[in-house]
Amino acid sequence: MSRITDLSYLEMVSDGDKEFITQVVTSFIENNKEIIEGLENGKKEENWEEMGKLIHKMKPSLEMVGLTPLKEKIIQAETNLKNGENIPETIPLVDEIIANCNQAIEELQADL
């Protein structure tokens, strides 16, 4: 499987500060593990509004770890979930976002 994370943006904005990079990566891992768990629970409970809020929380950290290709999918999923629209089409999108975030977490944990 090819790598989906890219820390070059984070390295640039931090001037290569390894300690800062480690803090940001660790924060990304911890926060997104919680968000993913919440999304899985939200799917089971069909709590679309809560899922929309959780997806929204993912947006700021994506660029830091190079997951910018997910941005459009996250915006679409967030809008649909918050509005309770197109849910059957949105759930596979959420599953893809979760899968990508899980892969990113695995890659980043291996880097630490």
PDB file of N, CA and C in Angstrom:
ATOM      1  N   MET A   1       0.853  -1.184   0.000  1.00  0.00           N
ATOM      2  CA  MET A   1       0.000   0.000   0.000  1.00  0.00           C
ATOM      3  C   MET A   1       0.899   1.248   0.000  1.00  0.00           C
ATOM      4  N   SER A   2       0.567   2.196  -0.834  1.00  0.00           N
ATOM      5  CA  SER A   2       1.407   3.386  -0.888  1.00  0.00           C
ATOM      6  C   SER A   2       1.074   4.332   0.266  1.00  0.00           C
ATOM      7  N   ARG A   3       2.064   5.108   0.615  1.00  0.00           N
ATOM      8  CA  ARG A   3       1.960   6.035   1.742  1.00  0.00           C
ATOM      9  C   ARG A   3       0.989   7.170   1.411  1.00  0.00           C
ATOM     10  N   ILE A   4       0.127   7.529   2.373  1.00  0.00           N
ATOM     11  CA  ILE A   4      -0.817   8.620   2.123  1.00  0.00           C
ATOM     12  C   ILE A   4      -0.502   9.873   2.933  1.00  0.00           C
ATOM     13  N   THR A   5       0.391   9.758   3.921  1.00  0.00           N
ATOM     14  CA  THR A   5       0.752  10.948   4.698  1.00  0.00           C
ATOM     15  C   THR A   5       1.999  11.587   4.111  1.00  0.00           C
ATOM     16  N   ASP A   6       2.109  12.880   4.347  1.00  0.00           N
ATOM     17  CA  ASP A   6       3.256  13.650   3.863  1.00  0.00           C
ATOM     18  C   ASP A   6       3.470  14.785   4.862  1.00  0.00           C
ATOM     19  N   LEU A   7       4.587  14.739   5.547  1.00  0.00           N
ATOM     20  CA  LEU A   7       4.848  15.732   6.600  1.00  0.00           C
ATOM     21  C   LEU A   7       5.638  16.936   6.101  1.00  0.00           C
ATOM     22  N   SER A   8       5.802  17.087   4.785  1.00  0.00           N
ATOM     23  CA  SER A   8       6.622  18.188   4.274  1.00  0.00           C
ATOM     24  C   SER A   8       6.056  19.560   4.649  1.00  0.00           C
ATOM     25  N   TYR A   9       4.723  19.724   4.620  1.00  0.00           N
ATOM     26  CA  TYR A   9       4.121  20.997   5.017  1.00  0.00           C
ATOM     27  C   TYR A   9       4.409  21.267   6.492  1.00  0.00           C
ATOM     28  N   LEU A  10       4.227  20.270   7.324  1.00  0.00           N
ATOM     29  CA  LEU A  10       4.484  20.410   8.756  1.00  0.00           C
ATOM     30  C   LEU A  10       5.951  20.731   9.012  1.00  0.00           C
ATOM     31  N   GLU A  11       6.830  20.072   8.282  1.00  0.00           N
ATOM     32  CA  GLU A  11       8.264  20.358   8.423  1.00  0.00           C
ATOM     33  C   GLU A  11       8.582  21.788   8.018  1.00  0.00           C
ATOM     34  N   MET A  12       7.911  22.273   6.959  1.00  0.00           N
ATOM     35  CA  MET A  12       8.149  23.633   6.497  1.00  0.00           C
ATOM     36  C   MET A  12       7.678  24.660   7.533  1.00  0.00           C
ATOM     37  N   VAL A  13       6.443  24.514   8.025  1.00  0.00           N
ATOM     38  CA  VAL A  13       5.906  25.509   8.960  1.00  0.00           C
ATOM     39  C   VAL A  13       6.583  25.464  10.322  1.00  0.00           C
ATOM     40  N   SER A  14       7.217  24.343  10.642  1.00  0.00           N
ATOM     41  CA  SER A  14       7.880  24.224  11.944  1.00  0.00           C
ATOM     42  C   SER A  14       9.383  24.457  11.845  1.00  0.00           C
ATOM     43  N   ASP A  15       9.863  24.789  10.650  1.00  0.00           N
ATOM     44  CA  ASP A  15      11.318  24.932  10.419  1.00  0.00           C
ATOM     45  C   ASP A  15      12.067  23.676  10.849  1.00  0.00           C
ATOM     46  N   GLY A  16      11.446  22.524  10.644  1.00  0.00           N
ATOM     47  CA  GLY A  16      12.100  21.256  10.949  1.00  0.00           C
ATOM     48  C   GLY A  16      12.226  20.929  12.425  1.00  0.00           C
ATOM     49  N   ASP A  17      11.473  21.629  13.268  1.00  0.00           N
ATOM     50  CA  ASP A  17      11.513  21.396  14.715  1.00  0.00           C
ATOM     51  C   ASP A  17      10.921  20.013  15.027  1.00  0.00           C
ATOM     52  N   LYS A  18      11.799  19.044  15.272  1.00  0.00           N
ATOM     53  CA  LYS A  18      11.372  17.643  15.463  1.00  0.00           C
ATOM     54  C   LYS A  18      10.413  17.491  16.648  1.00  0.00           C
ATOM     55  N   GLU A  19      10.673  18.216  17.726  1.00  0.00           N
ATOM     56  CA  GLU A  19       9.817  18.118  18.914  1.00  0.00           C
ATOM     57  C   GLU A  19       8.399  18.597  18.600  1.00  0.00           C
ATOM     58  N   PHE A  20       8.305  19.719  17.879  1.00  0.00           N
ATOM     59  CA  PHE A  20       7.005  20.258  17.489  1.00  0.00           C
ATOM     60  C   PHE A  20       6.284  19.285  16.558  1.00  0.00           C
ATOM     61  N   ILE A  21       7.008  18.743  15.595  1.00  0.00           N
ATOM     62  CA  ILE A  21       6.431  17.785  14.647  1.00  0.00           C
ATOM     63  C   ILE A  21       5.878  16.572  15.399  1.00  0.00           C
ATOM     64  N   THR A  22       6.646  16.067  16.350  1.00  0.00           N
ATOM     65  CA  THR A  22       6.203  14.919  17.151  1.00  0.00           C
ATOM     66  C   THR A  22       4.930  15.258  17.922  1.00  0.00           C
ATOM     67  N   GLN A  23       4.869  16.477  18.488  1.00  0.00           N
ATOM     68  CA  GLN A  23       3.679  16.905  19.234  1.00  0.00           C
ATOM     69  C   GLN A  23       2.452  16.946  18.330  1.00  0.00           C
ATOM     70  N   VAL A  24       2.610  17.524  17.137  1.00  0.00           N
ATOM     71  CA  VAL A  24       1.486  17.643  16.208  1.00  0.00           C
ATOM     72  C   VAL A  24       1.032  16.259  15.748  1.00  0.00           C
ATOM     73  N   VAL A  25       1.988  15.390  15.417  1.00  0.00           N
ATOM     74  CA  VAL A  25       1.656  14.030  14.957  1.00  0.00           C
ATOM     75  C   VAL A  25       0.961  13.248  16.064  1.00  0.00           C
ATOM     76  N   THR A  26       1.479  13.342  17.284  1.00  0.00           N
ATOM     77  CA  THR A  26       0.871  12.644  18.420  1.00  0.00           C
ATOM     78  C   THR A  26      -0.552  13.148  18.654  1.00  0.00           C
ATOM     79  N   SER A  27      -0.741  14.449  18.568  1.00  0.00           N
ATOM     80  CA  SER A  27      -2.060  15.041  18.736  1.00  0.00           C
ATOM     81  C   SER A  27      -3.011  14.557  17.636  1.00  0.00           C
ATOM     82  N   PHE A  28      -2.527  14.523  16.401  1.00  0.00           N
ATOM     83  CA  PHE A  28      -3.342  14.028  15.284  1.00  0.00           C
ATOM     84  C   PHE A  28      -3.804  12.595  15.556  1.00  0.00           C
ATOM     85  N   ILE A  29      -2.874  11.754  15.972  1.00  0.00           N
ATOM     86  CA  ILE A  29      -3.185  10.344  16.229  1.00  0.00           C
ATOM     87  C   ILE A  29      -4.245  10.220  17.316  1.00  0.00           C
ATOM     88  N   GLU A  30      -4.015  10.877  18.465  1.00  0.00           N
ATOM     89  CA  GLU A  30      -4.942  10.768  19.591  1.00  0.00           C
ATOM     90  C   GLU A  30      -6.329  11.308  19.244  1.00  0.00           C
ATOM     91  N   ASN A  31      -6.364  12.504  18.645  1.00  0.00           N
ATOM     92  CA  ASN A  31      -7.650  13.127  18.325  1.00  0.00           C
ATOM     93  C   ASN A  31      -8.432  12.321  17.303  1.00  0.00           C
ATOM     94  N   ASN A  32      -7.749  11.842  16.283  1.00  0.00           N
ATOM     95  CA  ASN A  32      -8.457  11.134  15.223  1.00  0.00           C
ATOM     96  C   ASN A  32      -8.897   9.736  15.648  1.00  0.00           C
ATOM     97  N   LYS A  33      -8.169   9.112  16.567  1.00  0.00           N
ATOM     98  CA  LYS A  33      -8.642   7.826  17.103  1.00  0.00           C
ATOM     99  C   LYS A  33      -9.987   8.033  17.796  1.00  0.00           C
ATOM    100  N   GLU A  34     -10.107   9.098  18.581  1.00  0.00           N
ATOM    101  CA  GLU A  34     -11.357   9.408  19.278  1.00  0.00           C
ATOM    102  C   GLU A  34     -12.467   9.731  18.286  1.00  0.00           C
ATOM    103  N   ILE A  35     -12.133  10.523  17.268  1.00  0.00           N
ATOM    104  CA  ILE A  35     -13.130  10.911  16.269  1.00  0.00           C
ATOM    105  C   ILE A  35     -13.635   9.680  15.520  1.00  0.00           C
ATOM    106  N   ILE A  36     -12.723   8.799  15.124  1.00  0.00           N
ATOM    107  CA  ILE A  36     -13.098   7.589  14.397  1.00  0.00           C
ATOM    108  C   ILE A  36     -14.028   6.723  15.248  1.00  0.00           C
ATOM    109  N   GLU A  37     -13.704   6.592  16.518  1.00  0.00           N
ATOM    110  CA  GLU A  37     -14.569   5.822  17.424  1.00  0.00           C
ATOM    111  C   GLU A  37     -15.965   6.450  17.490  1.00  0.00           C
ATOM    112  N   GLY A  38     -15.996   7.774  17.572  1.00  0.00           N
ATOM    113  CA  GLY A  38     -17.278   8.488  17.600  1.00  0.00           C
ATOM    114  C   GLY A  38     -18.057   8.315  16.310  1.00  0.00           C
ATOM    115  N   LEU A  39     -17.353   8.311  15.175  1.00  0.00           N
ATOM    116  CA  LEU A  39     -18.026   8.114  13.887  1.00  0.00           C
ATOM    117  C   LEU A  39     -18.612   6.710  13.786  1.00  0.00           C
ATOM    118  N   GLU A  40     -17.862   5.715  14.252  1.00  0.00           N
ATOM    119  CA  GLU A  40     -18.362   4.333  14.224  1.00  0.00           C
ATOM    120  C   GLU A  40     -19.620   4.210  15.094  1.00  0.00           C
ATOM    121  N   ASN A  41     -19.583   4.830  16.274  1.00  0.00           N
ATOM    122  CA  ASN A  41     -20.761   4.811  17.152  1.00  0.00           C
ATOM    123  C   ASN A  41     -21.928   5.562  16.520  1.00  0.00           C
ATOM    124  N   GLY A  42     -21.622   6.700  15.887  1.00  0.00           N
ATOM    125  CA  GLY A  42     -22.655   7.503  15.232  1.00  0.00           C
ATOM    126  C   GLY A  42     -23.350   6.743  14.123  1.00  0.00           C
ATOM    127  N   LYS A  43     -22.586   5.942  13.386  1.00  0.00           N
ATOM    128  CA  LYS A  43     -23.197   5.120  12.325  1.00  0.00           C
ATOM    129  C   LYS A  43     -24.168   4.112  12.927  1.00  0.00           C
ATOM    130  N   LYS A  44     -23.740   3.448  14.004  1.00  0.00           N
ATOM    131  CA  LYS A  44     -24.600   2.445  14.642  1.00  0.00           C
ATOM    132  C   LYS A  44     -25.886   3.076  15.166  1.00  0.00           C
ATOM    133  N   GLU A  45     -25.750   4.277  15.725  1.00  0.00           N
ATOM    134  CA  GLU A  45     -26.888   4.964  16.345  1.00  0.00           C
ATOM    135  C   GLU A  45     -27.652   5.848  15.354  1.00  0.00           C
ATOM    136  N   GLU A  46     -27.126   5.944  14.127  1.00  0.00           N
ATOM    137  CA  GLU A  46     -27.698   6.812  13.097  1.00  0.00           C
ATOM    138  C   GLU A  46     -27.818   8.255  13.590  1.00  0.00           C
ATOM    139  N   ASN A  47     -26.785   8.704  14.281  1.00  0.00           N
ATOM    140  CA  ASN A  47     -26.730  10.072  14.797  1.00  0.00           C
ATOM    141  C   ASN A  47     -25.939  10.920  13.797  1.00  0.00           C
ATOM    142  N   TRP A  48     -26.608  11.309  12.710  1.00  0.00           N
ATOM    143  CA  TRP A  48     -25.938  11.994  11.601  1.00  0.00           C
ATOM    144  C   TRP A  48     -25.394  13.355  12.016  1.00  0.00           C
ATOM    145  N   GLU A  49     -26.149  14.090  12.814  1.00  0.00           N
ATOM    146  CA  GLU A  49     -25.709  15.432  13.214  1.00  0.00           C
ATOM    147  C   GLU A  49     -24.403  15.361  14.013  1.00  0.00           C
ATOM    148  N   GLU A  50     -24.333  14.434  14.950  1.00  0.00           N
ATOM    149  CA  GLU A  50     -23.109  14.265  15.749  1.00  0.00           C
ATOM    150  C   GLU A  50     -21.943  13.853  14.852  1.00  0.00           C
ATOM    151  N   MET A  51     -22.223  12.983  13.891  1.00  0.00           N
ATOM    152  CA  MET A  51     -21.171  12.570  12.954  1.00  0.00           C
ATOM    153  C   MET A  51     -20.667  13.770  12.151  1.00  0.00           C
ATOM    154  N   GLY A  52     -21.573  14.654  11.763  1.00  0.00           N
ATOM    155  CA  GLY A  52     -21.181  15.865  11.033  1.00  0.00           C
ATOM    156  C   GLY A  52     -20.246  16.735  11.860  1.00  0.00           C
ATOM    157  N   LYS A  53     -20.541  16.840  13.151  1.00  0.00           N
ATOM    158  CA  LYS A  53     -19.685  17.627  14.054  1.00  0.00           C
ATOM    159  C   LYS A  53     -18.300  16.981  14.185  1.00  0.00           C
ATOM    160  N   LEU A  54     -18.279  15.654  14.275  1.00  0.00           N
ATOM    161  CA  LEU A  54     -17.001  14.952  14.404  1.00  0.00           C
ATOM    162  C   LEU A  54     -16.167  15.090  13.137  1.00  0.00           C
ATOM    163  N   ILE A  55     -16.805  14.954  11.984  1.00  0.00           N
ATOM    164  CA  ILE A  55     -16.097  15.103  10.709  1.00  0.00           C
ATOM    165  C   ILE A  55     -15.504  16.519  10.625  1.00  0.00           C
ATOM    166  N   HIS A  56     -16.274  17.502  11.086  1.00  0.00           N
ATOM    167  CA  HIS A  56     -15.805  18.889  11.070  1.00  0.00           C
ATOM    168  C   HIS A  56     -14.500  19.037  11.862  1.00  0.00           C
ATOM    169  N   LYS A  57     -14.402  18.321  12.974  1.00  0.00           N
ATOM    170  CA  LYS A  57     -13.201  18.395  13.816  1.00  0.00           C
ATOM    171  C   LYS A  57     -11.952  17.871  13.113  1.00  0.00           C
ATOM    172  N   MET A  58     -12.135  17.037  12.092  1.00  0.00           N
ATOM    173  CA  MET A  58     -10.989  16.460  11.383  1.00  0.00           C
ATOM    174  C   MET A  58     -10.300  17.469  10.462  1.00  0.00           C
ATOM    175  N   LYS A  59     -11.067  18.410   9.941  1.00  0.00           N
ATOM    176  CA  LYS A  59     -10.565  19.283   8.871  1.00  0.00           C
ATOM    177  C   LYS A  59      -9.249  19.988   9.182  1.00  0.00           C
ATOM    178  N   PRO A  60      -9.105  20.634  10.339  1.00  0.00           N
ATOM    179  CA  PRO A  60      -7.888  21.426  10.553  1.00  0.00           C
ATOM    180  C   PRO A  60      -6.588  20.615  10.537  1.00  0.00           C
ATOM    181  N   SER A  61      -6.645  19.367  10.967  1.00  0.00           N
ATOM    182  CA  SER A  61      -5.401  18.600  11.089  1.00  0.00           C
ATOM    183  C   SER A  61      -4.966  17.910   9.799  1.00  0.00           C
ATOM    184  N   LEU A  62      -5.843  17.832   8.830  1.00  0.00           N
ATOM    185  CA  LEU A  62      -5.527  17.094   7.603  1.00  0.00           C
ATOM    186  C   LEU A  62      -4.322  17.650   6.860  1.00  0.00           C
ATOM    187  N   GLU A  63      -4.277  18.969   6.726  1.00  0.00           N
ATOM    188  CA  GLU A  63      -3.186  19.580   5.971  1.00  0.00           C
ATOM    189  C   GLU A  63      -1.834  19.327   6.635  1.00  0.00           C
ATOM    190  N   MET A  64      -1.831  19.310   7.952  1.00  0.00           N
ATOM    191  CA  MET A  64      -0.578  19.119   8.680  1.00  0.00           C
ATOM    192  C   MET A  64       0.105  17.793   8.356  1.00  0.00           C
ATOM    193  N   VAL A  65      -0.703  16.771   8.085  1.00  0.00           N
ATOM    194  CA  VAL A  65      -0.120  15.457   7.811  1.00  0.00           C
ATOM    195  C   VAL A  65      -0.252  15.055   6.342  1.00  0.00           C
ATOM    196  N   GLY A  66      -0.614  16.021   5.500  1.00  0.00           N
ATOM    197  CA  GLY A  66      -0.635  15.776   4.068  1.00  0.00           C
ATOM    198  C   GLY A  66      -1.851  15.047   3.539  1.00  0.00           C
ATOM    199  N   LEU A  67      -2.947  15.053   4.284  1.00  0.00           N
ATOM    200  CA  LEU A  67      -4.161  14.381   3.824  1.00  0.00           C
ATOM    201  C   LEU A  67      -5.101  15.340   3.098  1.00  0.00           C
ATOM    202  N   THR A  68      -4.564  16.326   2.425  1.00  0.00           N
ATOM    203  CA  THR A  68      -5.391  17.316   1.730  1.00  0.00           C
ATOM    204  C   THR A  68      -6.314  16.705   0.678  1.00  0.00           C
ATOM    205  N   PRO A  69      -5.967  15.553   0.040  1.00  0.00           N
ATOM    206  CA  PRO A  69      -6.923  14.972  -0.918  1.00  0.00           C
ATOM    207  C   PRO A  69      -8.269  14.588  -0.277  1.00  0.00           C
ATOM    208  N   LEU A  70      -8.296  14.416   1.031  1.00  0.00           N
ATOM    209  CA  LEU A  70      -9.545  14.069   1.718  1.00  0.00           C
ATOM    210  C   LEU A  70     -10.450  15.272   1.966  1.00  0.00           C
ATOM    211  N   LYS A  71      -9.901  16.466   1.795  1.00  0.00           N
ATOM    212  CA  LYS A  71     -10.623  17.677   2.186  1.00  0.00           C
ATOM    213  C   LYS A  71     -12.008  17.785   1.539  1.00  0.00           C
ATOM    214  N   GLU A  72     -12.087  17.590   0.228  1.00  0.00           N
ATOM    215  CA  GLU A  72     -13.376  17.695  -0.469  1.00  0.00           C
ATOM    216  C   GLU A  72     -14.369  16.645   0.031  1.00  0.00           C
ATOM    217  N   LYS A  73     -13.872  15.433   0.271  1.00  0.00           N
ATOM    218  CA  LYS A  73     -14.749  14.362   0.754  1.00  0.00           C
ATOM    219  C   LYS A  73     -15.270  14.689   2.148  1.00  0.00           C
ATOM    220  N   ILE A  74     -14.401  15.264   2.955  1.00  0.00           N
ATOM    221  CA  ILE A  74     -14.809  15.624   4.322  1.00  0.00           C
ATOM    222  C   ILE A  74     -15.850  16.739   4.290  1.00  0.00           C
ATOM    223  N   ILE A  75     -15.648  17.728   3.438  1.00  0.00           N
ATOM    224  CA  ILE A  75     -16.618  18.826   3.331  1.00  0.00           C
ATOM    225  C   ILE A  75     -17.965  18.283   2.872  1.00  0.00           C
ATOM    226  N   GLN A  76     -17.951  17.411   1.864  1.00  0.00           N
ATOM    227  CA  GLN A  76     -19.200  16.825   1.360  1.00  0.00           C
ATOM    228  C   GLN A  76     -19.894  16.002   2.445  1.00  0.00           C
ATOM    229  N   ALA A  77     -19.136  15.148   3.143  1.00  0.00           N
ATOM    230  CA  ALA A  77     -19.712  14.313   4.191  1.00  0.00           C
ATOM    231  C   ALA A  77     -20.257  15.177   5.320  1.00  0.00           C
ATOM    232  N   GLU A  78     -19.514  16.184   5.716  1.00  0.00           N
ATOM    233  CA  GLU A  78     -19.960  17.063   6.805  1.00  0.00           C
ATOM    234  C   GLU A  78     -21.279  17.740   6.449  1.00  0.00           C
ATOM    235  N   THR A  79     -21.361  18.289   5.250  1.00  0.00           N
ATOM    236  CA  THR A  79     -22.577  18.981   4.813  1.00  0.00           C
ATOM    237  C   THR A  79     -23.766  18.029   4.794  1.00  0.00           C
ATOM    238  N   ASN A  80     -23.588  16.868   4.187  1.00  0.00           N
ATOM    239  CA  ASN A  80     -24.685  15.891   4.110  1.00  0.00           C
ATOM    240  C   ASN A  80     -25.143  15.445   5.494  1.00  0.00           C
ATOM    241  N   LEU A  81     -24.186  15.143   6.361  1.00  0.00           N
ATOM    242  CA  LEU A  81     -24.537  14.659   7.700  1.00  0.00           C
ATOM    243  C   LEU A  81     -25.235  15.729   8.517  1.00  0.00           C
ATOM    244  N   LYS A  82     -24.711  16.939   8.501  1.00  0.00           N
ATOM    245  CA  LYS A  82     -25.318  18.011   9.290  1.00  0.00           C
ATOM    246  C   LYS A  82     -26.731  18.333   8.808  1.00  0.00           C
ATOM    247  N   ASN A  83     -26.952  18.166   7.486  1.00  0.00           N
ATOM    248  CA  ASN A  83     -28.276  18.448   6.930  1.00  0.00           C
ATOM    249  C   ASN A  83     -29.172  17.213   6.873  1.00  0.00           C
ATOM    250  N   GLY A  84     -28.616  16.052   7.243  1.00  0.00           N
ATOM    251  CA  GLY A  84     -29.380  14.812   7.193  1.00  0.00           C
ATOM    252  C   GLY A  84     -29.777  14.421   5.778  1.00  0.00           C
ATOM    253  N   GLU A  85     -28.933  14.770   4.808  1.00  0.00           N
ATOM    254  CA  GLU A  85     -29.237  14.532   3.394  1.00  0.00           C
ATOM    255  C   GLU A  85     -28.299  13.483   2.796  1.00  0.00           C
ATOM    256  N   ASN A  86     -28.820  12.749   1.805  1.00  0.00           N
ATOM    257  CA  ASN A  86     -28.010  11.789   1.035  1.00  0.00           C
ATOM    258  C   ASN A  86     -27.232  10.818   1.929  1.00  0.00           C
ATOM    259  N   ILE A  87     -27.841  10.399   3.018  1.00  0.00           N
ATOM    260  CA  ILE A  87     -27.150   9.540   3.984  1.00  0.00           C
ATOM    261  C   ILE A  87     -26.677   8.223   3.350  1.00  0.00           C
ATOM    262  N   PRO A  88     -27.494   7.537   2.535  1.00  0.00           N
ATOM    263  CA  PRO A  88     -27.004   6.278   1.947  1.00  0.00           C
ATOM    264  C   PRO A  88     -25.731   6.452   1.102  1.00  0.00           C
ATOM    265  N   GLU A  89     -25.589   7.619   0.443  1.00  0.00           N
ATOM    266  CA  GLU A  89     -24.389   7.886  -0.344  1.00  0.00           C
ATOM    267  C   GLU A  89     -23.236   8.390   0.536  1.00  0.00           C
ATOM    268  N   THR A  90     -23.579   8.931   1.681  1.00  0.00           N
ATOM    269  CA  THR A  90     -22.573   9.547   2.547  1.00  0.00           C
ATOM    270  C   THR A  90     -21.849   8.517   3.408  1.00  0.00           C
ATOM    271  N   ILE A  91     -22.529   7.466   3.835  1.00  0.00           N
ATOM    272  CA  ILE A  91     -21.909   6.469   4.719  1.00  0.00           C
ATOM    273  C   ILE A  91     -20.668   5.832   4.079  1.00  0.00           C
ATOM    274  N   PRO A  92     -20.700   5.431   2.781  1.00  0.00           N
ATOM    275  CA  PRO A  92     -19.472   4.908   2.177  1.00  0.00           C
ATOM    276  C   PRO A  92     -18.345   5.950   2.139  1.00  0.00           C
ATOM    277  N   LEU A  93     -18.717   7.218   2.011  1.00  0.00           N
ATOM    278  CA  LEU A  93     -17.731   8.306   2.037  1.00  0.00           C
ATOM    279  C   LEU A  93     -17.090   8.389   3.422  1.00  0.00           C
ATOM    280  N   VAL A  94     -17.906   8.279   4.453  1.00  0.00           N
ATOM    281  CA  VAL A  94     -17.405   8.278   5.837  1.00  0.00           C
ATOM    282  C   VAL A  94     -16.488   7.076   6.045  1.00  0.00           C
ATOM    283  N   ASP A  95     -16.891   5.925   5.525  1.00  0.00           N
ATOM    284  CA  ASP A  95     -16.052   4.721   5.659  1.00  0.00           C
ATOM    285  C   ASP A  95     -14.692   4.923   4.989  1.00  0.00           C
ATOM    286  N   GLU A  96     -14.687   5.587   3.836  1.00  0.00           N
ATOM    287  CA  GLU A  96     -13.428   5.871   3.139  1.00  0.00           C
ATOM    288  C   GLU A  96     -12.557   6.835   3.948  1.00  0.00           C
ATOM    289  N   ILE A  97     -13.185   7.850   4.530  1.00  0.00           N
ATOM    290  CA  ILE A  97     -12.453   8.810   5.369  1.00  0.00           C
ATOM    291  C   ILE A  97     -11.846   8.082   6.573  1.00  0.00           C
ATOM    292  N   ILE A  98     -12.636   7.213   7.203  1.00  0.00           N
ATOM    293  CA  ILE A  98     -12.152   6.444   8.355  1.00  0.00           C
ATOM    294  C   ILE A  98     -10.976   5.566   7.943  1.00  0.00           C
ATOM    295  N   ALA A  99     -11.108   4.868   6.818  1.00  0.00           N
ATOM    296  CA  ALA A  99     -10.034   3.987   6.346  1.00  0.00           C
ATOM    297  C   ALA A  99      -8.753   4.773   6.077  1.00  0.00           C
ATOM    298  N   ASN A 100      -8.890   5.937   5.446  1.00  0.00           N
ATOM    299  CA  ASN A 100      -7.717   6.766   5.179  1.00  0.00           C
ATOM    300  C   ASN A 100      -7.090   7.277   6.465  1.00  0.00           C
ATOM    301  N   CYS A 101      -7.901   7.686   7.407  1.00  0.00           N
ATOM    302  CA  CYS A 101      -7.367   8.175   8.683  1.00  0.00           C
ATOM    303  C   CYS A 101      -6.700   7.046   9.460  1.00  0.00           C
ATOM    304  N   ASN A 102      -7.280   5.854   9.427  1.00  0.00           N
ATOM    305  CA  ASN A 102      -6.643   4.713  10.091  1.00  0.00           C
ATOM    306  C   ASN A 102      -5.287   4.405   9.464  1.00  0.00           C
ATOM    307  N   GLN A 103      -5.219   4.454   8.129  1.00  0.00           N
ATOM    308  CA  GLN A 103      -3.935   4.228   7.465  1.00  0.00           C
ATOM    309  C   GLN A 103      -2.933   5.318   7.846  1.00  0.00           C
ATOM    310  N   ALA A 104      -3.392   6.561   7.887  1.00  0.00           N
ATOM    311  CA  ALA A 104      -2.514   7.669   8.270  1.00  0.00           C
ATOM    312  C   ALA A 104      -1.997   7.482   9.693  1.00  0.00           C
ATOM    313  N   ILE A 105      -2.870   7.061  10.596  1.00  0.00           N
ATOM    314  CA  ILE A 105      -2.468   6.832  11.982  1.00  0.00           C
ATOM    315  C   ILE A 105      -1.392   5.747  12.042  1.00  0.00           C
ATOM    316  N   GLU A 106      -1.594   4.652  11.312  1.00  0.00           N
ATOM    317  CA  GLU A 106      -0.592   3.575  11.289  1.00  0.00           C
ATOM    318  C   GLU A 106       0.754   4.074  10.771  1.00  0.00           C
ATOM    319  N   GLU A 107       0.716   4.843   9.676  1.00  0.00           N
ATOM    320  CA  GLU A 107       1.964   5.376   9.106  1.00  0.00           C
ATOM    321  C   GLU A 107       2.681   6.288  10.102  1.00  0.00           C
ATOM    322  N   LEU A 108       1.899   7.182  10.723  1.00  0.00           N
ATOM    323  CA  LEU A 108       2.484   8.173  11.630  1.00  0.00           C
ATOM    324  C   LEU A 108       3.003   7.509  12.905  1.00  0.00           C
ATOM    325  N   GLN A 109       2.296   6.491  13.403  1.00  0.00           N
ATOM    326  CA  GLN A 109       2.784   5.778  14.588  1.00  0.00           C
ATOM    327  C   GLN A 109       4.116   5.096  14.278  1.00  0.00           C
ATOM    328  N   ALA A 110       4.247   4.570  13.076  1.00  0.00           N
ATOM    329  CA  ALA A 110       5.498   3.913  12.673  1.00  0.00           C
ATOM    330  C   ALA A 110       6.640   4.922  12.574  1.00  0.00           C
ATOM    331  N   ASP A 111       6.309   6.183  12.278  1.00  0.00           N
ATOM    332  CA  ASP A 111       7.326   7.228  12.154  1.00  0.00           C
ATOM    333  C   ASP A 111       7.830   7.729  13.505  1.00  0.00           C
ATOM    334  N   LEU A 112       7.006   7.584  14.529  1.00  0.00           N
ATOM    335  CA  LEU A 112       7.380   8.145  15.858  1.00  0.00           C
ATOM    336  C   LEU A 112       8.529   7.364  16.502  1.00  0.00           C
TER     337      LEU A 112
END
